[in-house]
C-alpha atoms as a PDB file:
ATOM      1  CA  UNK A   1     101.357 109.474  -4.291  1.00  0.00           C
ATOM      2  CA  UNK A   2     103.376 106.257  -4.429  1.00  0.00           C
ATOM      3  CA  UNK A   3     106.389 106.154  -6.759  1.00  0.00           C
ATOM      4  CA  UNK A   4     105.896 104.545 -10.152  1.00  0.00           C
ATOM      5  CA  UNK A   5     107.377 101.129 -10.760  1.00  0.00           C
ATOM      6  CA  UNK A   6     109.712 100.882 -13.740  1.00  0.00           C
ATOM      7  CA  UNK A   7     109.267  98.108 -16.294  1.00  0.00           C
ATOM      8  CA  UNK A   8     111.941  97.254 -18.839  1.00  0.00           C
ATOM      9  CA  UNK A   9     109.933  96.273 -21.921  1.00  0.00           C
ATOM     10  CA  UNK A  10     111.847  94.544 -24.730  1.00  0.00           C
ATOM     11  CA  UNK A  11     110.679  93.463 -28.192  1.00  0.00           C
ATOM     12  CA  UNK A  12     112.295  93.731 -31.627  1.00  0.00           C
ATOM     13  CA  UNK A  13     108.822  94.239 -33.147  1.00  0.00           C
ATOM     14  CA  UNK A  14     108.190  98.002 -32.849  1.00  0.00           C
ATOM     15  CA  UNK A  15     104.403  97.568 -33.029  1.00  0.00           C
ATOM     16  CA  UNK A  16     104.236  95.104 -30.109  1.00  0.00           C
ATOM     17  CA  UNK A  17     106.688  97.239 -28.136  1.00  0.00           C
ATOM     18  CA  UNK A  18     104.594 100.363 -28.708  1.00  0.00           C
ATOM     19  CA  UNK A  19     101.327  98.626 -27.739  1.00  0.00           C
ATOM     20  CA  UNK A  20     102.807  97.249 -24.504  1.00  0.00           C
ATOM     21  CA  UNK A  21     104.398 100.604 -23.666  1.00  0.00           C
ATOM     22  CA  UNK A  22     101.046 102.424 -23.994  1.00  0.00           C
ATOM     23  CA  UNK A  23      99.228  99.689 -22.036  1.00  0.00           C
ATOM     24  CA  UNK A  24     101.704  99.924 -19.152  1.00  0.00           C
ATOM     25  CA  UNK A  25     102.047 103.707 -19.117  1.00  0.00           C
ATOM     26  CA  UNK A  26      98.271 104.203 -19.008  1.00  0.00           C
ATOM     27  CA  UNK A  27      98.261 101.995 -15.883  1.00  0.00           C
ATOM     28  CA  UNK A  28     100.816 104.223 -14.168  1.00  0.00           C
ATOM     29  CA  UNK A  29     104.046 102.351 -14.841  1.00  0.00           C
ATOM     30  CA  UNK A  30     107.238 104.007 -16.054  1.00  0.00           C
ATOM     31  CA  UNK A  31     108.435 102.122 -19.151  1.00  0.00           C
ATOM     32  CA  UNK A  32     111.950 101.776 -20.521  1.00  0.00           C
ATOM     33  CA  UNK A  33     111.433 100.429 -24.051  1.00  0.00           C
ATOM     34  CA  UNK A  34     114.240  98.627 -25.896  1.00  0.00           C
ATOM     35  CA  UNK A  35     114.150  96.828 -29.235  1.00  0.00           C
ATOM     36  CA  UNK A  36     116.980  94.341 -28.597  1.00  0.00           C
ATOM     37  CA  UNK A  37     118.484  92.357 -25.756  1.00  0.00           C
ATOM     38  CA  UNK A  38     121.877  94.068 -25.716  1.00  0.00           C
ATOM     39  CA  UNK A  39     120.292  97.523 -25.423  1.00  0.00           C
ATOM     40  CA  UNK A  40     117.969  96.200 -22.693  1.00  0.00           C
ATOM     41  CA  UNK A  41     120.867  94.755 -20.704  1.00  0.00           C
ATOM     42  CA  UNK A  42     122.636  98.111 -20.829  1.00  0.00           C
ATOM     43  CA  UNK A  43     119.443  99.863 -19.653  1.00  0.00           C
ATOM     44  CA  UNK A  44     119.033  97.304 -16.832  1.00  0.00           C
ATOM     45  CA  UNK A  45     122.601  97.860 -15.642  1.00  0.00           C
ATOM     46  CA  UNK A  46     121.718 101.565 -15.347  1.00  0.00           C
ATOM     47  CA  UNK A  47     119.523 100.586 -12.391  1.00  0.00           C
ATOM     48  CA  UNK A  48     116.011 101.369 -11.250  1.00  0.00           C
ATOM     49  CA  UNK A  49     114.205  98.551 -13.096  1.00  0.00           C
ATOM     50  CA  UNK A  50     111.519  96.761 -11.052  1.00  0.00           C
ATOM     51  CA  UNK A  51     110.419  94.148 -13.628  1.00  0.00           C
ATOM     52  CA  UNK A  52     111.550  92.860 -17.047  1.00  0.00           C
ATOM     53  CA  UNK A  53     109.008  92.051 -19.766  1.00  0.00           C
ATOM     54  CA  UNK A  54     110.697  90.584 -22.843  1.00  0.00           C
ATOM     55  CA  UNK A  55     110.005  88.811 -26.102  1.00  0.00           C
ATOM     56  CA  UNK A  56     111.672  85.394 -26.453  1.00  0.00           C
ATOM     57  CA  UNK A  57     112.863  85.478 -30.084  1.00  0.00           C
ATOM     58  CA  UNK A  58     114.740  88.665 -30.997  1.00  0.00           C
ATOM     59  CA  UNK A  59     117.377  89.629 -33.516  1.00  0.00           C
ATOM     60  CA  UNK A  60     120.641  91.170 -32.386  1.00  0.00           C
ATOM     61  CA  UNK A  61     122.378  88.327 -30.570  1.00  0.00           C
ATOM     62  CA  UNK A  62     120.704  88.299 -27.131  1.00  0.00           C
ATOM     63  CA  UNK A  63     117.291  86.594 -27.031  1.00  0.00           C
ATOM     64  CA  UNK A  64     114.745  86.991 -24.236  1.00  0.00           C
ATOM     65  CA  UNK A  65     115.826  83.887 -22.348  1.00  0.00           C
ATOM     66  CA  UNK A  66     119.484  84.971 -22.374  1.00  0.00           C
ATOM     67  CA  UNK A  67     118.483  88.491 -21.312  1.00  0.00           C
ATOM     68  CA  UNK A  68     116.549  87.146 -18.320  1.00  0.00           C
ATOM     69  CA  UNK A  69     119.457  84.870 -17.398  1.00  0.00           C
ATOM     70  CA  UNK A  70     121.838  87.849 -17.370  1.00  0.00           C
ATOM     71  CA  UNK A  71     119.363  90.065 -15.470  1.00  0.00           C
ATOM     72  CA  UNK A  72     118.896  87.359 -12.811  1.00  0.00           C
ATOM     73  CA  UNK A  73     122.680  86.983 -12.447  1.00  0.00           C
ATOM     74  CA  UNK A  74     122.864  90.705 -11.632  1.00  0.00           C
ATOM     75  CA  UNK A  75     119.654  90.905  -9.587  1.00  0.00           C
ATOM     76  CA  UNK A  76     118.090  87.512  -8.698  1.00  0.00           C
ATOM     77  CA  UNK A  77     114.972  89.088  -7.174  1.00  0.00           C
ATOM     78  CA  UNK A  78     113.971  91.100 -10.247  1.00  0.00           C
ATOM     79  CA  UNK A  79     110.801  89.500 -11.669  1.00  0.00           C
ATOM     80  CA  UNK A  80     110.807  88.628 -15.380  1.00  0.00           C
ATOM     81  CA  UNK A  81     108.058  87.785 -17.867  1.00  0.00           C
ATOM     82  CA  UNK A  82     108.922  86.014 -21.127  1.00  0.00           C
ATOM     83  CA  UNK A  83     106.537  86.389 -24.100  1.00  0.00           C
ATOM     84  CA  UNK A  84     106.651  84.582 -27.448  1.00  0.00           C
ATOM     85  CA  UNK A  85     104.658  84.672 -30.654  1.00  0.00           C
ATOM     86  CA  UNK A  86     106.404  81.635 -32.111  1.00  0.00           C
ATOM     87  CA  UNK A  87     106.421  79.310 -29.122  1.00  0.00           C
ATOM     88  CA  UNK A  88     103.167  78.335 -27.389  1.00  0.00           C
ATOM     89  CA  UNK A  89     104.713  76.244 -24.613  1.00  0.00           C
ATOM     90  CA  UNK A  90     108.189  76.987 -23.373  1.00  0.00           C
ATOM     91  CA  UNK A  91     109.838  73.750 -22.271  1.00  0.00           C
ATOM     92  CA  UNK A  92     113.504  74.766 -22.013  1.00  0.00           C
ATOM     93  CA  UNK A  93     114.862  75.783 -18.649  1.00  0.00           C
ATOM     94  CA  UNK A  94     114.189  79.429 -18.123  1.00  0.00           C
ATOM     95  CA  UNK A  95     114.688  81.758 -15.210  1.00  0.00           C
ATOM     96  CA  UNK A  96     111.525  83.668 -16.207  1.00  0.00           C
ATOM     97  CA  UNK A  97     108.902  83.927 -13.482  1.00  0.00           C
ATOM     98  CA  UNK A  98     106.073  83.788 -16.061  1.00  0.00           C
ATOM     99  CA  UNK A  99     105.823  82.635 -19.705  1.00  0.00           C
ATOM    100  CA  UNK A 100     103.001  83.956 -21.924  1.00  0.00           C
ATOM    101  CA  UNK A 101     102.370  83.068 -25.579  1.00  0.00           C
ATOM    102  CA  UNK A 102     101.596  86.225 -27.641  1.00  0.00           C
ATOM    103  CA  UNK A 103      97.940  86.515 -28.541  1.00  0.00           C
ATOM    104  CA  UNK A 104      96.932  83.854 -26.002  1.00  0.00           C
ATOM    105  CA  UNK A 105      96.340  86.176 -23.056  1.00  0.00           C
ATOM    106  CA  UNK A 106      94.224  89.237 -22.324  1.00  0.00           C
ATOM    107  CA  UNK A 107      95.941  92.546 -21.504  1.00  0.00           C
ATOM    108  CA  UNK A 108      94.204  92.431 -18.098  1.00  0.00           C
ATOM    109  CA  UNK A 109      95.904  89.063 -17.435  1.00  0.00           C
ATOM    110  CA  UNK A 110      99.322  90.533 -18.238  1.00  0.00           C
ATOM    111  CA  UNK A 111      98.652  93.526 -15.968  1.00  0.00           C
ATOM    112  CA  UNK A 112      97.536  91.275 -13.108  1.00  0.00           C
ATOM    113  CA  UNK A 113     100.623  89.055 -13.442  1.00  0.00           C
ATOM    114  CA  UNK A 114     102.840  92.155 -13.396  1.00  0.00           C
ATOM    115  CA  UNK A 115     101.039  93.464 -10.307  1.00  0.00           C
ATOM    116  CA  UNK A 116     101.433  90.129  -8.483  1.00  0.00           C
ATOM    117  CA  UNK A 117     105.132  89.808  -9.362  1.00  0.00           C
ATOM    118  CA  UNK A 118     105.810  93.347  -8.134  1.00  0.00           C
ATOM    119  CA  UNK A 119     103.942  92.681  -4.867  1.00  0.00           C
ATOM    120  CA  UNK A 120     105.916  89.458  -4.367  1.00  0.00           C
ATOM    121  CA  UNK A 121     109.176  91.336  -5.042  1.00  0.00           C
ATOM    122  CA  UNK A 122     108.273  93.994  -2.489  1.00  0.00           C
ATOM    123  CA  UNK A 123     107.098  91.499   0.173  1.00  0.00           C
ATOM    124  CA  UNK A 124     110.366  90.041   1.553  1.00  0.00           C
ATOM    125  CA  UNK A 125     112.065  93.436   1.464  1.00  0.00           C
ATOM    126  CA  UNK A 126     109.340  94.879   3.702  1.00  0.00           C
ATOM    127  CA  UNK A 127     109.656  91.979   6.105  1.00  0.00           C
ATOM    128  CA  UNK A 128     113.423  92.367   6.155  1.00  0.00           C
ATOM    129  CA  UNK A 129     113.085  96.121   6.825  1.00  0.00           C
ATOM    130  CA  UNK A 130     110.638  95.369   9.648  1.00  0.00           C
ATOM    131  CA  UNK A 131     113.008  92.785  11.171  1.00  0.00           C
ATOM    132  CA  UNK A 132     115.971  95.207  10.949  1.00  0.00           C
ATOM    133  CA  UNK A 133     113.961  97.887  12.715  1.00  0.00           C
ATOM    134  CA  UNK A 134     113.051  95.388  15.432  1.00  0.00           C
ATOM    135  CA  UNK A 135     116.694  94.370  15.837  1.00  0.00           C
ATOM    136  CA  UNK A 136     117.810  98.031  15.934  1.00  0.00           C
ATOM    137  CA  UNK A 137     115.117  98.829  18.487  1.00  0.00           C
ATOM    138  CA  UNK A 138     116.139  95.829  20.637  1.00  0.00           C
ATOM    139  CA  UNK A 139     119.816  96.834  20.592  1.00  0.00           C
ATOM    140  CA  UNK A 140     118.926 100.372  21.729  1.00  0.00           C
ATOM    141  CA  UNK A 141     116.733  99.147  24.600  1.00  0.00           C
END
């Protein structure tokens, strides 16, 4: 059995957070749920997070865009999805890999985007591992 991927899910609305957590857990993901950006950043620094899924507008000082910016400064290859109920088109510069307006996407669409981002994250690492093995094998020969 392959290891579960861990998703850091962040939203200050408990209902949305709970719905997303159930959706992801029933699809086999491990979910770390946080209801503000500062708490999420602390959880991310703890390690083991494969993808960040965050609301844009949150109370508590750190919004979703700032959270993603800080996550990417720590780990540039960690995929991030930004969701907003108040903004339909996000025009500011963002380091998010995907932007989704709340209520404008199907759960299946969110799950597929998560799957694709996790595959893309895994891709270069596999290639790098393969190249290192080749180099190690060549140096032994």
